[in-house]
Amino acid sequence: MNQLEFQELGLYDPSAPDAAQRLALLEYLTGLGATKEDLTEFRNELPGLASVLKLRSGRDLLTLDETVERSGLPEDLVLRINRAAGFPDPEPGARTFSEQQADLLATFAAAEQVFGRDAIIQLTRVLGSAAERIAEAVVSAFLVNVQAPIVAEREDPLAIARANTAAADLIPLMMALIDEMLRNHLIAARRTFRGTLDGVETFRLAVGFVDVVDSTAMTQRLGLAELGAVLGAFEERAIESVREHGGRVVKLIGDEVMFVASDPTAAALVALEVRTAFASHPVIPAVRVGLALGDVVARDGDYFGPTVNLAARLVKIAQPGSVVANGEFANALKAKAFEVRELGAETLKGFVDRVPVYSVSGPR
């Protein structure tokens, strides 16, 4: 494409003060393979088009009808899988599916034979959600650490486009890392079948919630950058402790971490270590931990049931800097020579009967 074509598309004005800079950007993008349609669609965010050109799988997009034909799946199933992956239904006649997507959909039957249709749809939801979170984290990291410094120094669309390209060129490496990490996590997660409840896996676990005390007040006195750094330090220390004792971080919930462990002793050590680590932190007031031992339901990498609810309620009544547990957890720790003290029975939201609560201080 040349200058005249750029002008005809309304993308370039030779008399504009930034004409040379604009032309360099357009020529760079066309060098990456941008078409007239691409430039028109992304006319208001041209620097970001560079990453789109590098990331999209294939240039030829398919309509829903073409995807159905190529994949061999019925239309309603294609749409169901697409929704489970986190994407909206396409507009009639819109070209939104890549050829690679269609080819992957064609393998659905083989996966269905192994796991069953409903399980595959649910796994797709989990994968879609995880991929969406990873994508959001990558984009945020790029904006804060790469694009923001460029803009702060000098607004340079071409430099931003080149940075987008450089970041997108790292995606194959990221995919290789994800592949390796997933394989290793699958090996680590392997276990013997331990029974089901209406087709759902159930087993006995120690569940813990670590919570930053009075985080609302902390957020009001800290700048956003400092707040992010502080919460990052909290999460990092909590995750390290969980890993060191063979537990698993289930999820991060803002200023709270949920973890599980098969051994209540390990869960107690995690709780005590994290509490001690932040006992004299210059910014974080303190942390508190709620622990419960009992049966849980495993679903989509998360855990549910009364035991989880109990641990979540216990952390909210714990005093700053304390670790509290339910009776079953406390009894398991007594056998391991931990210092456990009964605090009395508490009324907890969602529980009919008052719940005996115990403090955990550490091994004697």
Protein backbone atom coordinates (compact mmCIF):
# COMPACT_ATOMS: atom_id res chain seq x y z
CA MET A 1 0.00 0.00 0.00
CA ASN A 2 1.15 3.57 -0.67
CA GLN A 3 0.48 7.06 0.64
CA LEU A 4 -2.39 7.63 -1.76
CA GLU A 5 -4.18 4.50 -0.59
CA PHE A 6 -3.70 5.53 3.02
CA GLN A 7 -5.23 8.92 2.16
CA GLU A 8 -8.17 7.30 0.41
CA LEU A 9 -8.87 5.29 3.56
CA GLY A 10 -8.81 8.47 5.62
CA LEU A 11 -5.83 7.21 7.60
CA TYR A 12 -3.22 9.71 6.46
CA ASP A 13 -3.10 13.45 5.95
CA PRO A 14 0.21 14.68 4.43
CA SER A 15 -0.44 18.18 5.77
CA ALA A 16 -0.83 17.09 9.38
CA PRO A 17 1.95 17.97 11.86
CA ASP A 18 2.54 14.27 12.60
CA ALA A 19 2.33 13.16 8.95
CA ALA A 20 5.81 11.61 8.84
CA GLN A 21 5.24 9.73 12.08
CA ARG A 22 1.83 8.51 10.92
CA LEU A 23 3.19 7.34 7.57
CA ALA A 24 5.99 5.42 9.27
CA LEU A 25 3.45 3.66 11.48
CA LEU A 26 1.19 2.72 8.55
CA GLU A 27 4.13 1.42 6.51
CA TYR A 28 5.33 -0.61 9.50
CA LEU A 29 1.91 -2.21 9.94
CA THR A 30 1.52 -3.06 6.27
CA GLY A 31 4.97 -4.57 6.44
CA LEU A 32 3.60 -6.89 9.12
CA GLY A 33 0.80 -7.88 6.75
CA ALA A 34 -1.98 -5.45 7.65
CA THR A 35 -4.72 -5.23 5.02
CA LYS A 36 -6.97 -2.30 4.18
CA GLU A 37 -9.66 -3.98 6.26
CA ASP A 38 -7.30 -4.30 9.23
CA LEU A 39 -6.21 -0.66 9.07
CA THR A 40 -9.81 0.51 8.79
CA GLU A 41 -11.04 -1.66 11.65
CA PHE A 42 -8.23 -0.57 13.97
CA ARG A 43 -7.95 3.02 12.78
CA ASN A 44 -8.41 4.34 16.33
CA GLU A 45 -5.85 1.99 17.88
CA LEU A 46 -3.29 1.38 15.16
CA PRO A 47 -0.28 0.71 17.44
CA GLY A 48 -2.17 -2.19 19.03
CA LEU A 49 -2.87 -3.68 15.60
CA ALA A 50 0.74 -4.84 15.56
CA SER A 51 0.04 -7.39 18.30
CA VAL A 52 -3.20 -8.50 16.62
CA LEU A 53 -1.34 -9.24 13.41
CA LYS A 54 1.20 -11.34 15.30
CA LEU A 55 -1.27 -13.13 17.56
CA ARG A 56 -4.18 -14.17 15.39
CA SER A 57 -4.03 -17.72 14.15
CA GLY A 58 -4.44 -17.53 10.41
CA ARG A 59 -5.69 -14.72 8.22
CA ASP A 60 -8.72 -16.46 6.73
CA LEU A 61 -11.65 -16.28 9.13
CA LEU A 62 -14.76 -18.43 8.86
CA THR A 63 -18.43 -17.79 9.39
CA LEU A 64 -20.43 -19.92 11.78
CA ASP A 65 -21.83 -21.95 8.87
CA GLU A 66 -18.34 -22.57 7.49
CA THR A 67 -17.08 -23.52 10.94
CA VAL A 68 -19.92 -26.00 11.37
CA GLU A 69 -19.15 -27.56 8.00
CA ARG A 70 -15.40 -27.74 8.60
CA SER A 71 -15.64 -29.08 12.16
CA GLY A 72 -18.42 -31.56 11.50
CA LEU A 73 -20.22 -30.50 14.67
CA PRO A 74 -23.83 -29.29 14.86
CA GLU A 75 -24.31 -25.53 15.11
CA ASP A 76 -25.78 -25.60 18.62
CA LEU A 77 -22.75 -27.52 19.92
CA VAL A 78 -20.29 -25.13 18.24
CA LEU A 79 -22.06 -22.19 19.87
CA ARG A 80 -22.17 -23.94 23.23
CA ILE A 81 -18.42 -24.61 23.13
CA ASN A 82 -17.74 -21.06 21.99
CA ARG A 83 -19.74 -19.64 24.89
CA ALA A 84 -18.00 -21.97 27.35
CA ALA A 85 -14.66 -20.64 26.08
CA GLY A 86 -15.81 -17.14 27.01
CA PHE A 87 -16.85 -15.66 23.66
CA PRO A 88 -20.21 -14.25 22.55
CA ASP A 89 -22.29 -15.69 19.74
CA PRO A 90 -21.17 -14.26 16.40
CA GLU A 91 -23.35 -11.91 14.40
CA PRO A 92 -25.05 -13.57 11.39
CA GLY A 93 -22.55 -13.90 8.57
CA ALA A 94 -19.67 -12.51 10.65
CA ARG A 95 -16.25 -14.04 10.15
CA THR A 96 -15.05 -14.67 13.69
CA PHE A 97 -13.74 -18.26 13.76
CA SER A 98 -10.23 -19.13 12.66
CA GLU A 99 -9.49 -22.24 10.62
CA GLN A 100 -7.46 -23.52 13.56
CA GLN A 101 -10.48 -23.13 15.85
CA ALA A 102 -12.58 -25.12 13.43
CA ASP A 103 -9.96 -27.86 13.25
CA LEU A 104 -9.75 -28.01 17.04
CA LEU A 105 -13.53 -28.26 17.27
CA ALA A 106 -13.30 -31.26 14.96
CA THR A 107 -11.39 -33.11 17.70
CA PHE A 108 -14.27 -32.66 20.15
CA ALA A 109 -15.72 -36.10 19.43
CA ALA A 110 -12.49 -37.83 20.50
CA ALA A 111 -12.37 -35.89 23.75
CA GLU A 112 -16.06 -36.55 24.33
CA GLN A 113 -15.46 -40.29 24.11
CA VAL A 114 -12.97 -40.07 26.97
CA PHE A 115 -14.61 -37.59 29.35
CA GLY A 116 -18.22 -37.19 28.18
CA ARG A 117 -19.83 -34.10 26.67
CA ASP A 118 -20.80 -32.25 29.83
CA ALA A 119 -17.34 -32.73 31.35
CA ILE A 120 -15.63 -31.38 28.22
CA ILE A 121 -17.91 -28.34 28.16
CA GLN A 122 -17.12 -27.68 31.81
CA LEU A 123 -13.38 -28.11 31.22
CA THR A 124 -13.69 -25.64 28.36
CA ARG A 125 -15.22 -23.14 30.77
CA VAL A 126 -12.30 -23.59 33.16
CA LEU A 127 -9.73 -23.26 30.37
CA GLY A 128 -11.51 -20.23 28.94
CA SER A 129 -11.62 -18.54 32.32
CA ALA A 130 -7.94 -19.29 32.98
CA ALA A 131 -6.94 -18.08 29.51
CA GLU A 132 -8.95 -14.88 29.97
CA ARG A 133 -7.21 -14.18 33.27
CA ILE A 134 -3.77 -14.85 31.79
CA ALA A 135 -4.56 -12.57 28.85
CA GLU A 136 -5.71 -9.79 31.16
CA ALA A 137 -2.56 -10.13 33.27
CA VAL A 138 -0.28 -10.03 30.21
CA VAL A 139 -2.02 -6.98 28.74
CA SER A 140 -1.91 -5.17 32.08
CA ALA A 141 1.79 -5.96 32.50
CA PHE A 142 2.48 -4.63 28.99
CA LEU A 143 0.56 -1.40 29.54
CA VAL A 144 2.17 -0.65 32.90
CA ASN A 145 5.73 -1.78 32.26
CA VAL A 146 6.19 -1.21 28.52
CA GLN A 147 3.72 1.22 27.01
CA ALA A 148 3.48 3.64 29.94
CA PRO A 149 7.24 4.45 29.93
CA ILE A 150 7.12 5.06 26.17
CA VAL A 151 4.19 7.44 26.53
CA ALA A 152 5.82 9.17 29.51
CA GLU A 153 8.99 9.85 27.52
CA ARG A 154 7.39 10.81 24.22
CA GLU A 155 4.11 9.89 22.54
CA ASP A 156 5.46 7.66 19.77
CA PRO A 157 2.88 5.38 18.08
CA LEU A 158 5.54 3.58 16.05
CA ALA A 159 7.55 2.78 19.18
CA ILE A 160 4.38 1.44 20.81
CA ALA A 161 3.64 -0.69 17.74
CA ARG A 162 7.20 -2.09 17.77
CA ALA A 163 6.82 -2.85 21.48
CA ASN A 164 3.55 -4.67 20.75
CA THR A 165 5.36 -6.76 18.16
CA ALA A 166 8.22 -7.56 20.54
CA ALA A 167 5.76 -8.63 23.25
CA ALA A 168 3.74 -10.75 20.83
CA ASP A 169 6.94 -12.46 19.66
CA LEU A 170 7.29 -13.83 23.20
CA ILE A 171 3.97 -15.69 23.01
CA PRO A 172 5.49 -18.94 21.63
CA LEU A 173 7.83 -18.97 24.64
CA MET A 174 4.89 -18.34 26.96
CA MET A 175 2.91 -21.16 25.37
CA ALA A 176 5.87 -23.51 25.82
CA LEU A 177 6.06 -22.50 29.48
CA ILE A 178 2.32 -23.03 29.93
CA ASP A 179 2.61 -26.44 28.29
CA GLU A 180 5.44 -27.46 30.61
CA MET A 181 3.77 -26.07 33.73
CA LEU A 182 0.46 -27.74 32.90
CA ARG A 183 2.14 -31.10 32.41
CA ASN A 184 3.97 -30.79 35.73
CA HIS A 185 0.84 -29.63 37.56
CA LEU A 186 -1.12 -32.56 36.11
CA ILE A 187 1.52 -34.93 37.43
CA ALA A 188 1.44 -33.23 40.84
CA ALA A 189 -2.38 -33.27 40.94
CA ARG A 190 -2.72 -36.97 40.16
CA ARG A 191 -4.52 -38.95 42.85
CA THR A 192 -6.54 -42.08 43.42
CA PHE A 193 -10.31 -41.85 43.06
CA ARG A 194 -11.76 -41.20 46.51
CA GLY A 195 -15.51 -41.35 46.04
CA THR A 196 -18.18 -39.12 44.59
CA LEU A 197 -21.26 -37.23 45.63
CA ASP A 198 -23.73 -37.25 42.73
CA GLY A 199 -20.87 -37.58 40.27
CA VAL A 200 -18.60 -35.03 41.98
CA GLU A 201 -15.26 -35.89 43.60
CA THR A 202 -15.24 -35.56 47.38
CA PHE A 203 -12.49 -36.00 49.94
CA ARG A 204 -11.20 -34.80 53.29
CA LEU A 205 -9.05 -31.66 53.35
CA ALA A 206 -7.77 -28.93 55.61
CA VAL A 207 -9.02 -25.59 54.27
CA GLY A 208 -7.51 -22.24 55.17
CA PHE A 209 -8.33 -18.58 54.52
CA VAL A 210 -5.67 -15.93 55.16
CA ASP A 211 -7.05 -12.41 55.36
CA VAL A 212 -5.44 -8.97 55.66
CA VAL A 213 -6.95 -7.21 58.68
CA ASP A 214 -8.62 -3.83 58.08
CA SER A 215 -7.64 -3.78 54.43
CA THR A 216 -10.27 -1.12 53.64
CA ALA A 217 -8.48 1.44 55.80
CA MET A 218 -5.17 0.43 54.26
CA THR A 219 -6.47 1.02 50.75
CA GLN A 220 -7.58 4.52 51.71
CA ARG A 221 -4.19 5.63 53.00
CA LEU A 222 -2.02 4.07 50.27
CA GLY A 223 -1.52 5.10 46.67
CA LEU A 224 -2.58 2.59 44.05
CA ALA A 225 1.00 1.66 43.15
CA GLU A 226 1.98 1.14 46.80
CA LEU A 227 -1.21 -0.83 47.46
CA GLY A 228 -0.45 -3.15 44.55
CA ALA A 229 3.08 -3.72 45.84
CA VAL A 230 1.89 -4.45 49.38
CA LEU A 231 -0.80 -6.90 48.31
CA GLY A 232 1.71 -8.51 45.95
CA ALA A 233 4.11 -9.05 48.87
CA PHE A 234 1.30 -10.53 50.96
CA GLU A 235 0.27 -12.94 48.21
CA GLU A 236 3.86 -13.93 47.47
CA ARG A 237 4.64 -14.78 51.09
CA ALA A 238 1.41 -16.70 51.56
CA ILE A 239 1.92 -18.68 48.36
CA GLU A 240 5.52 -19.50 49.31
CA SER A 241 4.43 -20.87 52.69
CA VAL A 242 1.68 -22.97 51.13
CA ARG A 243 4.08 -24.45 48.58
CA GLU A 244 6.80 -25.12 51.16
CA HIS A 245 4.41 -27.29 53.18
CA GLY A 246 2.91 -29.19 50.26
CA GLY A 247 -0.40 -27.36 50.12
CA ARG A 248 -2.17 -25.77 47.19
CA VAL A 249 -3.28 -22.20 46.66
CA VAL A 250 -6.85 -22.42 45.39
CA LYS A 251 -7.47 -18.75 44.65
CA LEU A 252 -6.51 -15.20 45.44
CA ILE A 253 -9.47 -13.02 46.44
CA GLY A 254 -8.15 -9.48 46.62
CA ASP A 255 -6.75 -9.25 50.14
CA GLU A 256 -7.45 -12.90 50.92
CA VAL A 257 -5.84 -16.23 50.01
CA MET A 258 -7.62 -19.58 50.09
CA PHE A 259 -5.47 -22.69 50.37
CA VAL A 260 -5.90 -26.39 51.06
CA ALA A 261 -3.69 -29.20 52.36
CA SER A 262 -4.23 -32.89 52.90
CA ASP A 263 -2.39 -32.69 56.23
CA PRO A 264 -3.84 -30.37 58.92
CA THR A 265 -0.38 -30.01 60.45
CA ALA A 266 0.92 -28.56 57.19
CA ALA A 267 -2.04 -26.17 57.00
CA ALA A 268 -1.42 -25.02 60.57
CA LEU A 269 2.27 -24.38 59.87
CA VAL A 270 1.32 -22.30 56.82
CA ALA A 271 -1.07 -20.24 58.93
CA LEU A 272 1.44 -19.63 61.70
CA GLU A 273 4.26 -18.74 59.30
CA VAL A 274 2.19 -16.19 57.40
CA ARG A 275 0.88 -14.69 60.63
CA THR A 276 4.42 -14.31 61.98
CA ALA A 277 5.74 -12.90 58.71
CA PHE A 278 3.33 -9.96 58.90
CA ALA A 279 3.28 -9.49 62.66
CA SER A 280 5.53 -6.43 62.39
CA HIS A 281 5.02 -5.38 58.78
CA PRO A 282 5.42 -1.60 58.30
CA VAL A 283 2.25 -1.28 56.20
CA ILE A 284 0.02 -4.34 56.62
CA PRO A 285 -1.68 -4.08 60.06
CA ALA A 286 -1.81 -7.85 60.59
CA VAL A 287 -3.24 -10.99 59.06
CA ARG A 288 -5.63 -13.54 60.49
CA VAL A 289 -6.33 -17.12 59.50
CA GLY A 290 -9.38 -19.38 59.65
CA LEU A 291 -8.87 -23.15 59.41
CA ALA A 292 -11.33 -26.01 59.09
CA LEU A 293 -10.96 -29.74 58.56
CA GLY A 294 -13.61 -31.89 56.92
CA ASP A 295 -15.07 -33.20 53.70
CA VAL A 296 -15.07 -30.98 50.61
CA VAL A 297 -16.43 -31.20 47.08
CA ALA A 298 -13.86 -30.70 44.30
CA ARG A 299 -15.07 -28.99 41.16
CA ASP A 300 -13.22 -27.14 38.39
CA GLY A 301 -10.06 -26.71 40.45
CA ASP A 302 -12.00 -25.20 43.35
CA TYR A 303 -13.50 -26.63 46.53
CA PHE A 304 -16.98 -26.25 48.00
CA GLY A 305 -19.10 -27.41 50.89
CA PRO A 306 -19.69 -26.70 54.60
CA THR A 307 -16.00 -27.11 55.49
CA VAL A 308 -15.00 -24.37 53.05
CA ASN A 309 -17.82 -22.13 54.24
CA LEU A 310 -16.79 -22.71 57.84
CA ALA A 311 -13.15 -21.73 57.23
CA ALA A 312 -14.32 -18.60 55.38
CA ARG A 313 -16.56 -17.63 58.34
CA LEU A 314 -13.91 -18.37 60.94
CA VAL A 315 -11.36 -16.00 59.40
CA LYS A 316 -13.86 -13.14 59.69
CA ILE A 317 -14.25 -13.56 63.45
CA ALA A 318 -10.54 -14.12 64.13
CA GLN A 319 -8.70 -11.41 66.03
CA PRO A 320 -5.85 -9.60 64.25
CA GLY A 321 -2.74 -11.77 64.25
CA SER A 322 -4.59 -14.90 65.35
CA VAL A 323 -5.21 -18.35 63.89
CA VAL A 324 -8.54 -20.02 64.68
CA ALA A 325 -9.87 -23.43 63.77
CA ASN A 326 -12.90 -25.68 64.09
CA GLY A 327 -13.10 -28.56 66.57
CA GLU A 328 -12.14 -31.27 64.11
CA PHE A 329 -9.05 -29.36 63.07
CA ALA A 330 -8.14 -28.65 66.69
CA ASN A 331 -8.41 -32.32 67.64
CA ALA A 332 -6.10 -33.29 64.80
CA LEU A 333 -3.52 -30.75 66.02
CA LYS A 334 -3.70 -31.88 69.65
CA ALA A 335 -2.35 -35.23 68.56
CA LYS A 336 0.62 -33.41 66.99
CA ALA A 337 1.47 -31.49 70.16
CA PHE A 338 0.23 -28.10 68.95
CA GLU A 339 -0.96 -25.56 71.48
CA VAL A 340 -4.72 -25.40 71.03
CA ARG A 341 -7.09 -23.45 73.25
CA GLU A 342 -10.90 -23.43 73.21
CA LEU A 343 -12.33 -19.92 72.74
CA GLY A 344 -15.99 -20.85 73.12
CA ALA A 345 -18.85 -21.27 70.68
CA GLU A 346 -19.64 -18.62 68.07
CA THR A 347 -22.72 -17.88 65.98
CA LEU A 348 -21.61 -17.94 62.37
CA LYS A 349 -23.64 -16.79 59.38
CA GLY A 350 -25.13 -19.74 57.53
CA PHE A 351 -24.71 -22.20 60.40
CA VAL A 352 -27.72 -23.15 62.50
CA ASP A 353 -25.83 -24.29 65.60
CA ARG A 354 -23.17 -22.34 67.43
CA VAL A 355 -19.72 -23.48 66.34
CA PRO A 356 -16.94 -24.27 68.87
CA VAL A 357 -13.86 -22.21 67.95
CA TYR A 358 -10.24 -22.88 68.93
CA SER A 359 -7.08 -20.78 68.76
CA VAL A 360 -3.90 -22.33 67.37
CA SER A 361 -0.55 -21.09 68.73
CA GLY A 362 2.03 -23.56 67.46
CA PRO A 363 3.87 -26.75 68.39
CA ARG A 364 4.77 -27.14 72.03
